[in-house]
Amino acid sequence: MATNKITSEALINEYDRIKELQEFENTKLGVKGLVDSGITRVPRMFHHPPETMFDICQGEYSRGDQNCIPVIDMSIPHQDLVQKIREASAKFGFFQIVNHGVPVTLLDRLVKAIKGFHELPPEEKMRFYDRNWNTSGKGVGYFSNYDLFYSNAASWRDTLQCILGPVSINPDVIPDVCRGEVMEWETEVKRLKERLMGLFSEGLGLPTDKLKGVSYVGRASMTAHYYPHCPEPSKTVGIASHTDPGILTILLQDQVGGLQVKYNDKWIDLNPVHGALVINIGDLFQIISNDGYKSGEHRVVANSSKESRVSVAVFINPGTADNLYGPLAELVSHEKPALYKQFKFSDLANRFFTQELEGKAMTSHFRL
């Protein structure tokens, strides 16, 4: 069985961060491998600066209204549903949905299956380790921290990621332990995505099918995060503060908790609701809506629970990365001029994936 090679060298004065990162990467066991090795201290490469950790350590985020982000019942009358989604998207950029049509039994099985993958014996899981999965043509990869080598501090999580569209993934490349559930999830997400985009369009005063095409929602990728127990949650985070770069994120989280949303400069726990899905607006959606909708800044705190946390996100993005994007013409007027310049989605994506997570940097970068 493979063993973890990270040593106490990370704690000596002559700290070699690059060496520690490479040793960690070479194990191909991720953060789960560190936990399995029995460590009681978080290695230095995961230490986030005091300004990142201050409000987490002080618990200041708890001052926000913990119940202000709505849970929306999708079985209510259509116009009421459009209004609630519009209000939540404009105010928070986040909301949860219930009675969405995705079987709760599938959601429970998916969480269990993703957890099963991350808890496979190391020699089985290592076969899928591939930091360059997206460019290697495999369509699926397991790794820890996509920004490992250019962030200032790593985060306490591992990830299984796969492409779901525009071309459906070959089921044979998905790990056996979660293959069936991932394929079912892909089918359900496609249906839910179409319904949501129609509701979002109507909320902006646009035709129902305006935002359903390949140009806006033609590409999808699944990111399944695993957050094992952290022995020193005051030293690191699960995911640093950021906004998602694309159009829309559909997220399933288990019941452990840890996701927080920033609102009015305070961090609010987005508490799990069994059977619910979390929906959040991405930067590109904020831009094309000309700030009609807001991309929600969020983070995940390091997991202090003895039980590992699992989340499964599907990121919905344009299928044509080289098209020009900017505020929709229908949403620009003399009274409300365009707030953003035109750009290719590939420019936004490249900028996002070649720097560490950093608040709302994408919308700020393209704002006029």
Protein backbone atom coordinates (compact mmCIF):
# COMPACT_ATOMS: atom_id res chain seq x y z
CA MET A 1 0.00 0.00 0.00
CA ALA A 2 1.28 3.50 -0.86
CA THR A 3 2.21 5.68 2.10
CA ASN A 4 2.32 9.40 2.62
CA LYS A 5 5.75 10.99 2.14
CA ILE A 6 5.10 14.37 3.73
CA THR A 7 7.49 14.73 6.69
CA SER A 8 8.12 17.21 9.47
CA GLU A 9 10.54 19.04 7.14
CA ALA A 10 7.64 21.40 6.46
CA LEU A 11 7.92 22.69 9.99
CA ILE A 12 11.61 23.58 10.11
CA ASN A 13 12.87 27.11 9.60
CA GLU A 14 14.37 26.51 6.17
CA TYR A 15 11.00 25.88 4.63
CA ASP A 16 10.95 24.65 1.02
CA ARG A 17 7.34 25.07 -0.10
CA ILE A 18 7.90 23.78 -3.63
CA LYS A 19 9.49 20.62 -2.26
CA GLU A 20 6.58 20.04 0.10
CA LEU A 21 4.04 20.59 -2.67
CA GLN A 22 5.82 18.17 -4.99
CA GLU A 23 6.14 15.51 -2.29
CA PHE A 24 2.44 15.84 -1.59
CA GLU A 25 1.61 15.63 -5.29
CA ASN A 26 3.80 12.57 -5.78
CA THR A 27 1.87 10.55 -3.22
CA LYS A 28 -1.26 10.73 -5.43
CA LEU A 29 -3.22 10.24 -2.21
CA GLY A 30 -4.42 13.79 -1.62
CA VAL A 31 -5.53 15.18 1.72
CA LYS A 32 -7.21 11.87 2.52
CA GLY A 33 -3.74 10.28 2.43
CA LEU A 34 -2.49 12.78 5.00
CA VAL A 35 -5.39 11.99 7.32
CA ASP A 36 -4.92 8.25 6.87
CA SER A 37 -1.25 8.63 7.81
CA GLY A 38 -2.36 9.77 11.28
CA ILE A 39 -1.16 13.37 11.20
CA THR A 40 -2.26 15.61 14.07
CA ARG A 41 -0.92 18.89 12.62
CA VAL A 42 -1.82 20.56 9.35
CA PRO A 43 1.28 20.81 7.11
CA ARG A 44 2.54 24.31 6.46
CA MET A 45 1.59 24.26 2.77
CA PHE A 46 -2.08 24.38 3.89
CA HIS A 47 -1.71 27.31 6.30
CA HIS A 48 -3.82 30.28 5.21
CA PRO A 49 -2.87 33.83 6.28
CA PRO A 50 -4.40 35.44 9.38
CA GLU A 51 -6.58 37.78 7.33
CA THR A 52 -8.25 34.75 5.72
CA MET A 53 -8.68 32.87 8.97
CA PHE A 54 -9.60 35.74 11.33
CA ASP A 55 -13.40 35.68 11.06
CA ILE A 56 -13.46 31.88 10.92
CA CYS A 57 -11.44 31.61 14.11
CA GLN A 58 -13.45 34.36 15.81
CA GLY A 59 -16.79 33.01 14.63
CA GLU A 60 -17.73 36.44 13.30
CA TYR A 61 -19.61 34.96 10.37
CA SER A 62 -22.26 33.75 12.81
CA ARG A 63 -23.49 37.32 13.28
CA GLY A 64 -25.33 37.15 9.96
CA ASP A 65 -28.93 35.99 9.70
CA GLN A 66 -28.46 32.26 9.29
CA ASN A 67 -31.89 31.74 7.75
CA CYS A 68 -31.97 34.58 5.22
CA ILE A 69 -30.99 32.58 2.11
CA PRO A 70 -34.28 31.15 0.86
CA VAL A 71 -35.33 27.55 0.31
CA ILE A 72 -37.65 27.70 -2.72
CA ASP A 73 -40.35 25.12 -3.35
CA MET A 74 -40.44 24.54 -7.10
CA SER A 75 -43.98 23.18 -6.95
CA ILE A 76 -45.51 26.61 -6.22
CA PRO A 77 -47.42 28.53 -8.96
CA HIS A 78 -45.23 29.49 -11.90
CA GLN A 79 -45.25 33.28 -11.54
CA ASP A 80 -44.57 33.03 -7.81
CA LEU A 81 -41.64 30.75 -8.59
CA VAL A 82 -40.21 33.19 -11.16
CA GLN A 83 -40.46 36.03 -8.64
CA LYS A 84 -38.79 34.12 -5.79
CA ILE A 85 -35.93 32.97 -8.01
CA ARG A 86 -35.47 36.49 -9.40
CA GLU A 87 -35.36 38.02 -5.92
CA ALA A 88 -32.92 35.44 -4.53
CA SER A 89 -30.65 35.70 -7.59
CA ALA A 90 -30.53 39.48 -7.40
CA LYS A 91 -30.03 39.68 -3.64
CA PHE A 92 -27.84 36.70 -2.71
CA GLY A 93 -26.83 34.88 -5.89
CA PHE A 94 -27.71 31.75 -3.91
CA PHE A 95 -30.80 29.77 -2.97
CA GLN A 96 -31.86 26.20 -2.30
CA ILE A 97 -34.62 24.33 -4.14
CA VAL A 98 -36.90 21.50 -3.05
CA ASN A 99 -39.51 19.56 -5.03
CA HIS A 100 -37.18 19.96 -8.00
CA GLY A 101 -37.98 16.61 -9.59
CA VAL A 102 -34.63 14.90 -8.93
CA PRO A 103 -35.32 11.79 -6.82
CA VAL A 104 -34.03 12.25 -3.29
CA THR A 105 -33.06 8.59 -3.31
CA LEU A 106 -30.68 9.31 -6.19
CA LEU A 107 -29.15 12.25 -4.31
CA ASP A 108 -28.53 10.03 -1.28
CA ARG A 109 -27.01 7.31 -3.44
CA LEU A 110 -24.81 9.83 -5.26
CA VAL A 111 -23.35 11.20 -2.02
CA LYS A 112 -22.65 7.65 -0.83
CA ALA A 113 -21.07 6.67 -4.16
CA ILE A 114 -18.79 9.74 -4.30
CA LYS A 115 -17.74 9.12 -0.73
CA GLY A 116 -17.10 5.52 -1.72
CA PHE A 117 -14.72 6.62 -4.45
CA HIS A 118 -12.70 8.89 -2.18
CA GLU A 119 -12.48 6.14 0.43
CA LEU A 120 -11.28 3.45 -1.99
CA PRO A 121 -8.03 1.66 -1.09
CA PRO A 122 -5.14 3.91 -2.18
CA GLU A 123 -3.87 1.55 -4.88
CA GLU A 124 -7.29 1.65 -6.60
CA LYS A 125 -7.87 5.38 -6.28
CA MET A 126 -4.37 6.34 -7.44
CA ARG A 127 -5.12 4.99 -10.93
CA PHE A 128 -7.40 7.98 -11.49
CA TYR A 129 -4.98 10.65 -10.22
CA ASP A 130 -4.52 13.14 -13.05
CA ARG A 131 -4.04 16.87 -12.54
CA ASN A 132 -4.23 17.43 -16.32
CA TRP A 133 -7.39 15.39 -16.81
CA ASN A 134 -9.14 18.10 -18.82
CA THR A 135 -6.42 18.35 -21.46
CA SER A 136 -5.40 14.69 -21.50
CA GLY A 137 -8.63 13.67 -23.21
CA LYS A 138 -9.64 11.25 -20.45
CA GLY A 139 -12.69 13.24 -19.41
CA VAL A 140 -12.25 12.27 -15.74
CA GLY A 141 -9.60 12.89 -13.10
CA TYR A 142 -8.92 12.81 -9.39
CA PHE A 143 -6.59 15.35 -7.76
CA SER A 144 -6.21 17.70 -4.82
CA ASN A 145 -6.43 21.50 -5.30
CA TYR A 146 -6.55 22.53 -8.95
CA ASP A 147 -4.49 25.61 -8.02
CA LEU A 148 -1.98 23.67 -5.88
CA PHE A 149 1.15 25.05 -7.56
CA TYR A 150 0.14 28.70 -7.88
CA SER A 151 -1.95 29.40 -4.80
CA ASN A 152 -0.39 30.87 -1.67
CA ALA A 153 -1.94 28.12 0.46
CA ALA A 154 -3.55 24.78 -0.35
CA SER A 155 -7.01 23.86 0.93
CA TRP A 156 -8.18 20.80 2.83
CA ARG A 157 -10.04 18.83 0.14
CA ASP A 158 -9.71 16.29 -2.67
CA THR A 159 -11.67 16.27 -5.93
CA LEU A 160 -13.07 13.88 -8.53
CA GLN A 161 -13.98 15.77 -11.69
CA CYS A 162 -15.47 14.77 -15.04
CA ILE A 163 -16.90 16.35 -18.19
CA LEU A 164 -20.65 15.87 -18.68
CA GLY A 165 -21.14 17.92 -21.85
CA PRO A 166 -21.41 19.01 -24.60
CA VAL A 167 -20.65 15.36 -25.43
CA SER A 168 -21.79 12.87 -22.80
CA ILE A 169 -18.93 11.19 -20.99
CA ASN A 170 -17.99 7.62 -21.86
CA PRO A 171 -19.34 5.64 -18.89
CA ASP A 172 -16.36 3.28 -19.02
CA VAL A 173 -13.96 6.00 -17.82
CA ILE A 174 -15.99 6.74 -14.68
CA PRO A 175 -14.88 4.77 -11.60
CA ASP A 176 -17.02 1.68 -11.07
CA VAL A 177 -17.98 2.66 -7.54
CA CYS A 178 -19.91 5.75 -8.70
CA ARG A 179 -20.54 5.14 -12.42
CA GLY A 180 -24.27 4.41 -12.29
CA GLU A 181 -25.05 7.30 -9.98
CA VAL A 182 -23.01 9.81 -12.01
CA MET A 183 -24.79 8.81 -15.23
CA GLU A 184 -28.21 9.16 -13.59
CA TRP A 185 -27.16 12.52 -12.11
CA GLU A 186 -26.09 13.73 -15.56
CA THR A 187 -29.55 12.96 -16.99
CA GLU A 188 -31.36 14.70 -14.14
CA VAL A 189 -29.12 17.79 -14.25
CA LYS A 190 -29.78 18.27 -17.98
CA ARG A 191 -33.52 18.35 -17.35
CA LEU A 192 -33.25 20.61 -14.30
CA LYS A 193 -30.87 22.98 -16.08
CA GLU A 194 -33.38 23.58 -18.87
CA ARG A 195 -36.16 24.36 -16.42
CA LEU A 196 -34.02 26.69 -14.32
CA MET A 197 -32.72 28.65 -17.30
CA GLY A 198 -36.28 29.25 -18.46
CA LEU A 199 -37.17 30.62 -15.03
CA PHE A 200 -34.05 32.78 -14.91
CA SER A 201 -34.85 34.16 -18.38
CA GLU A 202 -38.38 35.09 -17.40
CA GLY A 203 -37.05 36.73 -14.25
CA LEU A 204 -35.04 39.09 -16.45
CA GLY A 205 -38.06 39.84 -18.64
CA LEU A 206 -36.67 37.72 -21.50
CA PRO A 207 -38.35 34.96 -23.53
CA THR A 208 -38.31 31.60 -21.74
CA ASP A 209 -35.92 29.98 -24.23
CA LYS A 210 -33.50 32.94 -24.53
CA LEU A 211 -30.75 31.41 -22.38
CA LYS A 212 -31.24 27.71 -23.10
CA GLY A 213 -28.97 27.41 -26.14
CA VAL A 214 -25.48 25.98 -26.51
CA SER A 215 -24.03 29.49 -26.43
CA TYR A 216 -24.99 29.84 -22.77
CA VAL A 217 -25.39 26.38 -21.25
CA GLY A 218 -23.81 23.95 -23.70
CA ARG A 219 -21.02 22.69 -21.46
CA ALA A 220 -21.20 21.01 -18.06
CA SER A 221 -18.62 19.52 -15.71
CA MET A 222 -19.07 17.67 -12.42
CA THR A 223 -16.83 18.43 -9.47
CA ALA A 224 -17.18 16.07 -6.51
CA HIS A 225 -15.29 17.38 -3.47
CA TYR A 226 -14.30 15.34 -0.45
CA TYR A 227 -13.44 17.16 2.79
CA PRO A 228 -11.92 14.78 5.36
CA HIS A 229 -11.63 15.64 9.04
CA CYS A 230 -9.14 18.45 9.63
CA PRO A 231 -7.09 18.23 12.84
CA GLU A 232 -6.50 22.01 12.93
CA PRO A 233 -9.47 23.77 11.26
CA SER A 234 -8.20 27.14 12.50
CA LYS A 235 -5.18 26.85 10.17
CA THR A 236 -6.80 26.18 6.79
CA VAL A 237 -10.02 26.15 4.74
CA GLY A 238 -11.96 23.68 2.65
CA ILE A 239 -12.27 26.13 -0.25
CA ALA A 240 -11.11 29.73 -0.22
CA SER A 241 -13.54 32.58 -0.84
CA HIS A 242 -14.52 32.91 -4.52
CA THR A 243 -17.31 33.22 -7.04
CA ASP A 244 -17.88 30.63 -9.76
CA PRO A 245 -16.82 31.85 -13.20
CA GLY A 246 -19.55 30.51 -15.47
CA ILE A 247 -23.32 30.73 -15.82
CA LEU A 248 -24.76 28.53 -13.11
CA THR A 249 -23.85 25.94 -10.47
CA ILE A 250 -26.13 23.15 -9.29
CA LEU A 251 -24.80 21.74 -6.02
CA LEU A 252 -25.66 18.75 -3.88
CA GLN A 253 -24.22 18.86 -0.37
CA ASP A 254 -24.45 16.24 2.33
CA GLN A 255 -25.63 16.93 5.88
CA VAL A 256 -22.25 17.75 7.43
CA GLY A 257 -22.28 21.45 6.51
CA GLY A 258 -19.51 23.96 6.01
CA LEU A 259 -20.64 26.02 3.00
CA GLN A 260 -20.86 29.75 3.71
CA VAL A 261 -22.16 32.62 1.57
CA LYS A 262 -21.12 36.26 1.89
CA TYR A 263 -23.92 38.78 2.22
CA ASN A 264 -23.65 42.36 3.47
CA ASP A 265 -19.99 41.70 4.31
CA LYS A 266 -20.90 38.88 6.69
CA TRP A 267 -20.52 35.15 6.21
CA ILE A 268 -23.71 33.10 6.53
CA ASP A 269 -23.90 29.34 6.94
CA LEU A 270 -25.88 27.76 4.13
CA ASN A 271 -27.23 24.94 6.25
CA PRO A 272 -27.96 21.64 4.49
CA VAL A 273 -31.58 20.68 3.84
CA HIS A 274 -32.01 17.01 3.09
CA GLY A 275 -33.22 16.52 -0.47
CA ALA A 276 -32.50 20.12 -1.47
CA LEU A 277 -30.14 21.35 -4.17
CA VAL A 278 -28.13 24.57 -3.89
CA ILE A 279 -28.25 26.92 -6.89
CA ASN A 280 -25.81 29.76 -7.37
CA ILE A 281 -25.23 32.38 -10.02
CA GLY A 282 -21.82 32.55 -11.73
CA ASP A 283 -19.79 35.56 -12.83
CA LEU A 284 -20.73 35.25 -16.51
CA PHE A 285 -24.44 35.25 -15.61
CA GLN A 286 -23.97 38.41 -13.54
CA ILE A 287 -22.24 39.99 -16.52
CA ILE A 288 -24.76 39.04 -19.23
CA SER A 289 -27.61 40.08 -16.91
CA ASN A 290 -25.91 43.49 -16.55
CA ASP A 291 -25.98 43.05 -12.77
CA GLY A 292 -29.62 41.98 -12.79
CA TYR A 293 -28.37 38.86 -11.05
CA LYS A 294 -25.45 38.59 -8.64
CA SER A 295 -22.72 35.98 -8.53
CA GLY A 296 -22.58 34.78 -4.94
CA GLU A 297 -19.26 34.84 -3.12
CA HIS A 298 -18.81 31.70 -1.05
CA ARG A 299 -16.31 29.50 0.76
CA VAL A 300 -16.14 26.22 2.66
CA VAL A 301 -14.60 26.07 6.12
CA ALA A 302 -12.27 23.20 7.00
CA ASN A 303 -14.16 20.19 8.27
CA SER A 304 -13.89 19.86 12.05
CA SER A 305 -16.35 16.96 12.11
CA LYS A 306 -15.09 13.40 12.45
CA GLU A 307 -17.38 12.56 9.53
CA SER A 308 -16.04 13.45 6.08
CA ARG A 309 -18.02 16.00 4.06
CA VAL A 310 -19.05 15.43 0.42
CA SER A 311 -20.43 17.86 -2.15
CA VAL A 312 -21.20 17.33 -5.83
CA ALA A 313 -21.36 20.40 -8.05
CA VAL A 314 -22.25 20.68 -11.72
CA PHE A 315 -20.90 23.83 -13.36
CA ILE A 316 -22.94 25.05 -16.33
CA ASN A 317 -20.95 27.05 -18.87
CA PRO A 318 -21.13 28.19 -22.50
CA GLY A 319 -20.55 25.51 -25.08
CA THR A 320 -18.80 27.98 -27.38
CA ALA A 321 -15.90 29.44 -25.44
CA ASP A 322 -14.75 31.77 -28.23
CA ASN A 323 -18.04 33.63 -28.66
CA LEU A 324 -18.13 37.19 -27.42
CA TYR A 325 -20.05 37.79 -24.20
CA GLY A 326 -21.20 40.89 -22.41
CA PRO A 327 -24.47 42.40 -21.17
CA LEU A 328 -27.41 41.21 -23.28
CA ALA A 329 -28.69 43.89 -25.65
CA GLU A 330 -32.21 43.50 -24.24
CA LEU A 331 -30.90 44.49 -20.79
CA VAL A 332 -29.01 47.60 -21.87
CA SER A 333 -30.68 51.00 -22.20
CA HIS A 334 -29.98 54.70 -21.89
CA GLU A 335 -31.13 54.49 -18.28
CA LYS A 336 -28.97 51.41 -17.62
CA PRO A 337 -25.93 51.32 -19.89
CA ALA A 338 -23.70 48.28 -20.25
CA LEU A 339 -21.62 47.74 -17.11
CA TYR A 340 -19.16 45.29 -18.66
CA LYS A 341 -17.02 45.10 -21.78
CA GLN A 342 -17.28 42.36 -24.41
CA PHE A 343 -14.91 39.38 -24.05
CA LYS A 344 -14.53 35.71 -24.90
CA PHE A 345 -15.56 33.21 -22.25
CA SER A 346 -12.22 31.49 -22.84
CA ASP A 347 -10.53 34.68 -21.58
CA LEU A 348 -12.55 34.60 -18.38
CA ALA A 349 -11.99 30.85 -17.87
CA ASN A 350 -8.26 31.06 -18.52
CA ARG A 351 -7.92 33.89 -16.06
CA PHE A 352 -9.89 31.98 -13.41
CA PHE A 353 -7.98 28.71 -13.75
CA THR A 354 -4.50 30.22 -13.82
CA GLN A 355 -4.65 32.09 -10.54
CA GLU A 356 -5.67 31.26 -7.03
CA LEU A 357 -9.24 31.78 -5.90
CA GLU A 358 -9.75 35.45 -5.14
CA GLY A 359 -13.17 36.81 -4.24
CA LYS A 360 -15.02 38.46 -7.13
CA ALA A 361 -11.97 39.10 -9.30
CA MET A 362 -13.64 38.04 -12.58
CA THR A 363 -16.49 40.54 -12.59
CA SER A 364 -14.14 43.26 -11.39
CA HIS A 365 -11.71 42.52 -14.20
CA PHE A 366 -14.29 42.88 -17.00
CA ARG A 367 -16.25 45.79 -15.53
CA LEU A 368 -16.17 49.04 -17.51
